[in-house]
C-alpha atoms as a PDB file:
ATOM      1  CA  MET A   1      25.467 -27.630  -8.015  1.00  0.00           C
ATOM      2  CA  THR A   2      26.227 -24.258  -9.835  1.00  0.00           C
ATOM      3  CA  ILE A   3      24.723 -20.888  -9.796  1.00  0.00           C
ATOM      4  CA  ASP A   4      24.163 -18.592 -13.597  1.00  0.00           C
ATOM      5  CA  GLY A   5      27.244 -16.389 -13.832  1.00  0.00           C
ATOM      6  CA  SER A   6      24.163 -13.723 -15.464  1.00  0.00           C
ATOM      7  CA  ALA A   7      40.841  -8.349  16.164  1.00  0.00           C
ATOM      8  CA  LEU A   8      41.775  -8.764  19.617  1.00  0.00           C
ATOM      9  CA  ASP A   9      41.357  -5.815  21.937  1.00  0.00           C
ATOM     10  CA  ARG A  10      44.251  -3.686  21.517  1.00  0.00           C
ATOM     11  CA  SER A  11      46.156  -3.329  24.521  1.00  0.00           C
ATOM     12  CA  SER A  12      46.634  -7.132  23.925  1.00  0.00           C
ATOM     13  CA  ALA A  13      50.373  -8.678  23.234  1.00  0.00           C
ATOM     14  CA  TYR A  14      52.034 -11.743  23.358  1.00  0.00           C
ATOM     15  CA  GLY A  15      55.619 -11.081  23.356  1.00  0.00           C
ATOM     16  CA  SER A  16      56.354  -7.768  21.113  1.00  0.00           C
ATOM     17  CA  LEU A  17      53.161  -8.516  19.358  1.00  0.00           C
ATOM     18  CA  GLN A  18      51.238  -5.278  19.145  1.00  0.00           C
ATOM     19  CA  VAL A  19      47.407  -6.407  17.806  1.00  0.00           C
ATOM     20  CA  PRO A  20      46.096  -4.020  15.500  1.00  0.00           C
ATOM     21  CA  PRO A  21      42.583  -1.892  16.366  1.00  0.00           C
ATOM     22  CA  MET A  22      39.434  -4.086  15.326  1.00  0.00           C
ATOM     23  CA  ARG A  23      38.402  -2.033  11.590  1.00  0.00           C
ATOM     24  CA  VAL A  24      34.731  -2.374  10.506  1.00  0.00           C
ATOM     25  CA  SER A  25      34.406  -2.490   6.733  1.00  0.00           C
ATOM     26  CA  GLU A  26      32.534   0.138   5.425  1.00  0.00           C
ATOM     27  CA  PRO A  27      29.503  -1.380   3.579  1.00  0.00           C
ATOM     28  CA  ALA A  28      28.459   1.670   1.951  1.00  0.00           C
ATOM     29  CA  PRO A  29      29.775   1.489  -2.025  1.00  0.00           C
ATOM     30  CA  LEU A  30      28.216  -1.981  -2.125  1.00  0.00           C
ATOM     31  CA  ALA A  31      24.936  -1.067  -0.137  1.00  0.00           C
ATOM     32  CA  VAL A  32      24.527   1.939  -2.914  1.00  0.00           C
ATOM     33  CA  LEU A  33      24.872  -0.519  -5.639  1.00  0.00           C
ATOM     34  CA  ASP A  34      22.394  -3.319  -4.501  1.00  0.00           C
ATOM     35  CA  PRO A  35      24.590  -6.419  -6.409  1.00  0.00           C
ATOM     36  CA  GLY A  36      21.107  -8.019  -6.048  1.00  0.00           C
ATOM     37  CA  ALA A  37      21.306 -10.753  -3.232  1.00  0.00           C
ATOM     38  CA  ARG A  38      20.838 -14.944  -3.372  1.00  0.00           C
ATOM     39  CA  THR A  39      20.806 -17.133  -0.719  1.00  0.00           C
ATOM     40  CA  LEU A  40      23.020 -20.124  -2.050  1.00  0.00           C
ATOM     41  CA  PRO A  41      23.077 -23.597   0.026  1.00  0.00           C
ATOM     42  CA  PRO A  42      26.173 -25.518   1.078  1.00  0.00           C
ATOM     43  CA  GLY A  43      28.095 -27.079  -2.238  1.00  0.00           C
ATOM     44  CA  THR A  44      26.792 -24.313  -4.609  1.00  0.00           C
ATOM     45  CA  ASP A  45      29.402 -23.397  -7.585  1.00  0.00           C
ATOM     46  CA  LEU A  46      29.882 -19.729  -7.770  1.00  0.00           C
ATOM     47  CA  ILE A  47      31.811 -20.347 -11.011  1.00  0.00           C
ATOM     48  CA  ARG A  48      33.742 -23.020 -12.234  1.00  0.00           C
ATOM     49  CA  GLU A  49      37.144 -23.782 -13.360  1.00  0.00           C
ATOM     50  CA  GLY A  50      37.566 -23.267 -16.453  1.00  0.00           C
ATOM     51  CA  ASP A  51      34.167 -21.266 -16.907  1.00  0.00           C
ATOM     52  CA  ARG A  52      34.200 -17.602 -18.269  1.00  0.00           C
ATOM     53  CA  PRO A  53      34.254 -14.778 -15.314  1.00  0.00           C
ATOM     54  CA  GLU A  54      31.213 -12.770 -15.630  1.00  0.00           C
ATOM     55  CA  GLY A  55      31.404  -9.373 -13.093  1.00  0.00           C
ATOM     56  CA  LEU A  56      32.266  -9.581  -9.881  1.00  0.00           C
ATOM     57  CA  PHE A  57      30.519 -12.095  -6.957  1.00  0.00           C
ATOM     58  CA  VAL A  58      30.462 -10.450  -3.033  1.00  0.00           C
ATOM     59  CA  ILE A  59      29.886 -12.596   0.024  1.00  0.00           C
ATOM     60  CA  LEU A  60      27.453 -10.532   2.122  1.00  0.00           C
ATOM     61  CA  ASP A  61      27.176 -13.754   4.433  1.00  0.00           C
ATOM     62  CA  GLY A  62      28.783 -17.214   5.005  1.00  0.00           C
ATOM     63  CA  PHE A  63      31.457 -18.847   4.069  1.00  0.00           C
ATOM     64  CA  ALA A  64      32.548 -19.364   0.680  1.00  0.00           C
ATOM     65  CA  CYS A  65      35.819 -20.734  -0.646  1.00  0.00           C
ATOM     66  CA  ARG A  66      38.454 -20.709  -3.884  1.00  0.00           C
ATOM     67  CA  TYR A  67      39.584 -24.335  -4.459  1.00  0.00           C
ATOM     68  CA  LYS A  68      41.046 -26.653  -7.000  1.00  0.00           C
ATOM     69  CA  LEU A  69      40.134 -30.014  -7.980  1.00  0.00           C
ATOM     70  CA  ARG A  70      42.562 -33.049  -8.566  1.00  0.00           C
ATOM     71  CA  GLU A  71      41.140 -35.568 -11.439  1.00  0.00           C
ATOM     72  CA  ASN A  72      40.185 -37.689  -8.429  1.00  0.00           C
ATOM     73  CA  GLY A  73      38.256 -35.483  -6.847  1.00  0.00           C
ATOM     74  CA  ALA A  74      40.647 -34.532  -4.073  1.00  0.00           C
ATOM     75  CA  ARG A  75      39.961 -31.069  -2.878  1.00  0.00           C
ATOM     76  CA  GLN A  76      42.502 -27.864  -1.680  1.00  0.00           C
ATOM     77  CA  ILE A  77      40.713 -25.320  -0.413  1.00  0.00           C
ATOM     78  CA  MET A  78      43.116 -22.212  -1.105  1.00  0.00           C
ATOM     79  CA  SER A  79      41.149 -19.311   0.598  1.00  0.00           C
ATOM     80  CA  PHE A  80      38.417 -18.521   2.640  1.00  0.00           C
ATOM     81  CA  LEU A  81      35.957 -16.006   1.229  1.00  0.00           C
ATOM     82  CA  LEU A  82      34.411 -14.058   4.162  1.00  0.00           C
ATOM     83  CA  PRO A  83      31.491 -11.775   4.963  1.00  0.00           C
ATOM     84  CA  GLY A  84      32.658  -8.370   2.636  1.00  0.00           C
ATOM     85  CA  ASP A  85      35.124 -10.128   0.392  1.00  0.00           C
ATOM     86  CA  LEU A  86      34.470  -9.702  -3.078  1.00  0.00           C
ATOM     87  CA  CYS A  87      35.603 -12.342  -5.259  1.00  0.00           C
ATOM     88  CA  ASP A  88      37.669 -12.343  -8.563  1.00  0.00           C
ATOM     89  CA  LEU A  89      38.892  -9.090  -8.250  1.00  0.00           C
ATOM     90  CA  ASP A  90      40.499  -9.555 -11.324  1.00  0.00           C
ATOM     91  CA  SER A  91      38.544 -10.887 -13.874  1.00  0.00           C
ATOM     92  CA  SER A  92      37.660  -8.715 -16.427  1.00  0.00           C
ATOM     93  CA  LEU A  93      41.098  -9.319 -17.154  1.00  0.00           C
ATOM     94  CA  LEU A  94      40.820 -13.446 -17.319  1.00  0.00           C
ATOM     95  CA  GLN A  95      39.482 -15.534 -20.401  1.00  0.00           C
ATOM     96  CA  ARG A  96      38.921 -18.377 -17.801  1.00  0.00           C
ATOM     97  CA  MET A  97      38.523 -19.010 -14.391  1.00  0.00           C
ATOM     98  CA  ASP A  98      42.176 -21.262 -12.878  1.00  0.00           C
ATOM     99  CA  HIS A  99      39.888 -22.300 -10.031  1.00  0.00           C
ATOM    100  CA  GLY A 100      36.074 -22.887  -9.039  1.00  0.00           C
ATOM    101  CA  ILE A 101      35.102 -20.877  -6.035  1.00  0.00           C
ATOM    102  CA  GLY A 102      32.023 -22.809  -4.186  1.00  0.00           C
ATOM    103  CA  THR A 103      30.354 -21.958  -0.844  1.00  0.00           C
ATOM    104  CA  LEU A 104      30.923 -24.166   2.371  1.00  0.00           C
ATOM    105  CA  SER A 105      28.142 -22.671   4.474  1.00  0.00           C
ATOM    106  CA  PRO A 106      24.819 -20.816   3.428  1.00  0.00           C
ATOM    107  CA  CYS A 107      25.337 -17.901   1.914  1.00  0.00           C
ATOM    108  CA  SER A 108      24.120 -14.491   0.711  1.00  0.00           C
ATOM    109  CA  VAL A 109      25.902 -13.242  -2.219  1.00  0.00           C
ATOM    110  CA  GLY A 110      25.828 -10.780  -4.746  1.00  0.00           C
ATOM    111  CA  ARG A 111      27.179  -9.970  -8.162  1.00  0.00           C
ATOM    112  CA  LEU A 112      27.822  -6.723  -9.849  1.00  0.00           C
ATOM    113  CA  PRO A 113      27.889  -7.024 -13.903  1.00  0.00           C
ATOM    114  CA  PRO A 114      30.927  -6.356 -16.089  1.00  0.00           C
ATOM    115  CA  GLU A 115      29.925  -2.910 -16.996  1.00  0.00           C
ATOM    116  CA  GLN A 116      29.657  -1.919 -12.668  1.00  0.00           C
ATOM    117  CA  VAL A 117      32.799  -3.108 -12.168  1.00  0.00           C
ATOM    118  CA  ARG A 118      34.726  -1.001 -14.491  1.00  0.00           C
ATOM    119  CA  GLU A 119      32.870   1.964 -14.186  1.00  0.00           C
ATOM    120  CA  LEU A 120      33.685   1.624 -10.581  1.00  0.00           C
ATOM    121  CA  GLN A 121      37.095   1.408 -10.701  1.00  0.00           C
ATOM    122  CA  ARG A 122      37.438   4.547 -13.075  1.00  0.00           C
ATOM    123  CA  HIS A 123      36.975   5.989  -9.307  1.00  0.00           C
ATOM    124  CA  PRO A 124      40.269   6.150  -6.934  1.00  0.00           C
ATOM    125  CA  SER A 125      38.945   5.554  -3.879  1.00  0.00           C
ATOM    126  CA  PHE A 126      37.318   2.300  -5.043  1.00  0.00           C
ATOM    127  CA  ALA A 127      40.122   1.041  -7.104  1.00  0.00           C
ATOM    128  CA  ARG A 128      42.640   1.436  -4.596  1.00  0.00           C
ATOM    129  CA  THR A 129      39.479  -0.054  -2.178  1.00  0.00           C
ATOM    130  CA  LEU A 130      39.753  -3.410  -4.783  1.00  0.00           C
ATOM    131  CA  ARG A 131      43.666  -2.877  -5.009  1.00  0.00           C
ATOM    132  CA  MET A 132      44.302  -3.377  -1.553  1.00  0.00           C
ATOM    133  CA  ALA A 133      41.395  -6.191  -1.180  1.00  0.00           C
ATOM    134  CA  ALA A 134      43.626  -8.386  -3.849  1.00  0.00           C
ATOM    135  CA  LEU A 135      47.477  -7.691  -1.922  1.00  0.00           C
ATOM    136  CA  THR A 136      45.530  -8.547   1.354  1.00  0.00           C
ATOM    137  CA  GLU A 137      44.250 -11.801  -0.578  1.00  0.00           C
ATOM    138  CA  GLU A 138      47.679 -12.354  -1.824  1.00  0.00           C
ATOM    139  CA  ALA A 139      49.227 -11.770   1.732  1.00  0.00           C
ATOM    140  CA  ILE A 140      46.924 -14.616   3.057  1.00  0.00           C
ATOM    141  CA  LEU A 141      47.528 -17.316   0.501  1.00  0.00           C
ATOM    142  CA  ARG A 142      51.973 -16.434   1.188  1.00  0.00           C
ATOM    143  CA  GLU A 143      50.627 -17.456   4.842  1.00  0.00           C
ATOM    144  CA  TRP A 144      48.571 -20.395   4.150  1.00  0.00           C
ATOM    145  CA  ILE A 145      52.069 -21.963   1.626  1.00  0.00           C
ATOM    146  CA  VAL A 146      53.716 -21.567   4.880  1.00  0.00           C
ATOM    147  CA  ASN A 147      50.773 -22.954   7.079  1.00  0.00           C
ATOM    148  CA  ILE A 148      51.038 -26.445   5.170  1.00  0.00           C
ATOM    149  CA  GLY A 149      54.431 -26.523   4.758  1.00  0.00           C
ATOM    150  CA  ARG A 150      56.190 -25.948   7.862  1.00  0.00           C
ATOM    151  CA  ARG A 151      53.474 -25.986  10.612  1.00  0.00           C
ATOM    152  CA  SER A 152      52.376 -28.722  12.724  1.00  0.00           C
ATOM    153  CA  ALA A 153      48.668 -30.366  12.418  1.00  0.00           C
ATOM    154  CA  VAL A 154      47.881 -28.427  15.847  1.00  0.00           C
ATOM    155  CA  GLU A 155      50.088 -25.249  14.442  1.00  0.00           C
ATOM    156  CA  ARG A 156      48.060 -25.140  11.030  1.00  0.00           C
ATOM    157  CA  LEU A 157      44.273 -24.831  13.002  1.00  0.00           C
ATOM    158  CA  ALA A 158      45.484 -22.766  15.822  1.00  0.00           C
ATOM    159  CA  HIS A 159      47.059 -20.731  13.497  1.00  0.00           C
ATOM    160  CA  LEU A 160      43.431 -20.584  10.867  1.00  0.00           C
ATOM    161  CA  PHE A 161      41.943 -20.320  13.783  1.00  0.00           C
ATOM    162  CA  CYS A 162      43.691 -16.935  15.212  1.00  0.00           C
ATOM    163  CA  GLU A 163      43.454 -15.609  11.625  1.00  0.00           C
ATOM    164  CA  LEU A 164      39.660 -16.382  11.440  1.00  0.00           C
ATOM    165  CA  TYR A 165      38.587 -14.179  14.518  1.00  0.00           C
ATOM    166  CA  LEU A 166      40.598 -10.938  13.487  1.00  0.00           C
ATOM    167  CA  ARG A 167      39.147 -11.215  10.292  1.00  0.00           C
ATOM    168  CA  LEU A 168      35.651 -11.888  11.376  1.00  0.00           C
ATOM    169  CA  ARG A 169      35.783  -9.334  14.005  1.00  0.00           C
ATOM    170  CA  ALA A 170      37.039  -6.650  11.507  1.00  0.00           C
ATOM    171  CA  VAL A 171      33.527  -7.228   9.743  1.00  0.00           C
ATOM    172  CA  GLY A 172      31.248  -7.809  13.020  1.00  0.00           C
ATOM    173  CA  ARG A 173      30.998 -11.072  12.767  1.00  0.00           C
ATOM    174  CA  ALA A 174      32.873 -12.111  16.042  1.00  0.00           C
ATOM    175  CA  ASP A 175      32.356 -11.499  19.685  1.00  0.00           C
ATOM    176  CA  LYS A 176      35.278 -11.051  22.483  1.00  0.00           C
ATOM    177  CA  ARG A 177      36.372 -14.610  22.446  1.00  0.00           C
ATOM    178  CA  SER A 178      34.059 -16.311  19.640  1.00  0.00           C
ATOM    179  CA  TYR A 179      32.816 -16.943  16.068  1.00  0.00           C
ATOM    180  CA  LEU A 180      30.756 -18.724  14.355  1.00  0.00           C
ATOM    181  CA  LEU A 181      32.582 -21.776  12.286  1.00  0.00           C
ATOM    182  CA  PRO A 182      30.098 -23.444  10.077  1.00  0.00           C
ATOM    183  CA  ILE A 183      31.959 -25.593   8.386  1.00  0.00           C
ATOM    184  CA  THR A 184      32.892 -29.006   8.279  1.00  0.00           C
ATOM    185  CA  GLN A 185      35.998 -31.406   9.380  1.00  0.00           C
ATOM    186  CA  ILE A 186      36.351 -32.204   6.197  1.00  0.00           C
ATOM    187  CA  ASP A 187      36.497 -28.701   4.741  1.00  0.00           C
ATOM    188  CA  LEU A 188      39.203 -27.845   7.446  1.00  0.00           C
ATOM    189  CA  ALA A 189      40.693 -30.801   5.807  1.00  0.00           C
ATOM    190  CA  ASP A 190      40.767 -29.824   2.911  1.00  0.00           C
ATOM    191  CA  THR A 191      42.354 -26.330   3.757  1.00  0.00           C
ATOM    192  CA  THR A 192      44.948 -27.638   6.248  1.00  0.00           C
ATOM    193  CA  GLY A 193      46.858 -30.176   3.735  1.00  0.00           C
ATOM    194  CA  MET A 194      44.968 -32.772   6.336  1.00  0.00           C
ATOM    195  CA  THR A 195      42.694 -36.169   6.560  1.00  0.00           C
ATOM    196  CA  PRO A 196      39.622 -35.869   8.412  1.00  0.00           C
ATOM    197  CA  VAL A 197      40.694 -37.936  11.158  1.00  0.00           C
ATOM    198  CA  HIS A 198      43.801 -35.718  11.691  1.00  0.00           C
ATOM    199  CA  VAL A 199      42.238 -32.478  12.010  1.00  0.00           C
ATOM    200  CA  ASN A 200      39.759 -34.463  14.821  1.00  0.00           C
ATOM    201  CA  ARG A 201      42.844 -35.273  16.765  1.00  0.00           C
ATOM    202  CA  SER A 202      44.098 -31.988  16.529  1.00  0.00           C
ATOM    203  CA  LEU A 203      40.812 -29.928  17.517  1.00  0.00           C
ATOM    204  CA  GLY A 204      41.394 -33.298  20.400  1.00  0.00           C
ATOM    205  CA  GLU A 205      44.772 -31.439  20.942  1.00  0.00           C
ATOM    206  CA  LEU A 206      43.368 -27.946  21.227  1.00  0.00           C
ATOM    207  CA  ARG A 207      40.959 -28.846  23.494  1.00  0.00           C
ATOM    208  CA  ARG A 208      43.169 -30.884  25.627  1.00  0.00           C
ATOM    209  CA  MET A 209      44.875 -27.668  25.850  1.00  0.00           C
ATOM    210  CA  ARG A 210      42.461 -25.852  27.080  1.00  0.00           C
ATOM    211  CA  LEU A 211      42.628 -23.509  23.967  1.00  0.00           C
ATOM    212  CA  ILE A 212      39.979 -23.827  21.846  1.00  0.00           C
ATOM    213  CA  GLU A 213      36.220 -25.900  22.756  1.00  0.00           C
ATOM    214  CA  ARG A 214      33.175 -26.020  20.161  1.00  0.00           C
ATOM    215  CA  ALA A 215      30.179 -27.034  20.014  1.00  0.00           C
ATOM    216  CA  GLY A 216      27.883 -26.838  16.944  1.00  0.00           C
ATOM    217  CA  LYS A 217      29.196 -24.912  14.951  1.00  0.00           C
ATOM    218  CA  ARG A 218      30.637 -22.115  17.589  1.00  0.00           C
ATOM    219  CA  LEU A 219      34.419 -21.951  17.924  1.00  0.00           C
ATOM    220  CA  THR A 220      34.968 -20.669  21.087  1.00  0.00           C
ATOM    221  CA  ILE A 221      39.134 -19.433  21.858  1.00  0.00           C
ATOM    222  CA  LEU A 222      39.481 -20.179  25.663  1.00  0.00           C
ATOM    223  CA  ASP A 223      43.055 -19.048  25.682  1.00  0.00           C
ATOM    224  CA  LEU A 224      43.984 -16.371  23.061  1.00  0.00           C
ATOM    225  CA  PRO A 225      47.645 -15.703  24.082  1.00  0.00           C
ATOM    226  CA  ARG A 226      48.292 -19.107  24.227  1.00  0.00           C
ATOM    227  CA  LEU A 227      46.433 -20.116  21.318  1.00  0.00           C
ATOM    228  CA  ILE A 228      48.988 -17.150  19.626  1.00  0.00           C
ATOM    229  CA  GLU A 229      52.050 -18.425  20.860  1.00  0.00           C
ATOM    230  CA  VAL A 230      51.273 -21.616  19.994  1.00  0.00           C
ATOM    231  CA  ALA A 231      50.512 -20.577  16.089  1.00  0.00           C
ATOM    232  CA  GLU A 232      53.229 -17.906  16.427  1.00  0.00           C
ATOM    233  CA  PHE A 233      50.478 -15.712  14.746  1.00  0.00           C
ATOM    234  CA  ARG A 234      51.909 -12.369  13.679  1.00  0.00           C
ATOM    235  CA  PRO A 235      48.878 -10.472  12.641  1.00  0.00           C
ATOM    236  CA  ASP A 236      50.713  -7.684  10.190  1.00  0.00           C
ATOM    237  CA  TYR A 237      49.445 -10.151   6.879  1.00  0.00           C
ATOM    238  CA  LEU A 238      45.988  -8.914   7.185  1.00  0.00           C
ATOM    239  CA  HIS A 239      46.034  -5.469   7.032  1.00  0.00           C
ATOM    240  CA  LEU A 240      43.503  -4.710   9.291  1.00  0.00           C
ATOM    241  CA  ASP A 241      45.034  -1.492   9.839  1.00  0.00           C
ATOM    242  CA  GLY A 242      44.237   0.294   6.685  1.00  0.00           C
END
């Protein structure tokens, strides 16, 4: 289906890891703009590879992703887009999209038309917000490359769960040790470069280590310091301290 384009407690530490304070995103600019939210089901393409970008999508609720498809239908998820995230930050510079953006769960999505984005970019504070968002997204992509290329299956999932915990805490979508994870094992497989069977086995290993439990769509972290240790997780790349 396609639509028309028209952190941890501050005092916690692992070794020398000092976790940045939780920072809640400021939704005021988007609230003022009222980007016209639409509720979309899982599996909806916001924009497909090869499409011409028309404006800026805003994820208001739910999980979406950037992805690439091979000719045989195999999918690689390259980033998760969470509540408060802006899609297509540099879309005005592109003639055609080189990847797709789609929903992984039911999502509330807004869209800012190109002229509104250009007007916003004239404001230094909003332009800085867009630039920091782009820099953070690039940093996350670098970390995901390391995840797929140099971490074991269990370490990949542990690192991803730590990252999602901090990102969701930053926007008020996670409690002390748990959060909604409304995605499938196939989605996790396409994110981490594993098969669904391997994901299932690795989740089982994390449960046996008493690090996580998953009931329905809620993931609970049972031992956060140990999960951080297994993942060798360092949160600096998320730039949650501003």
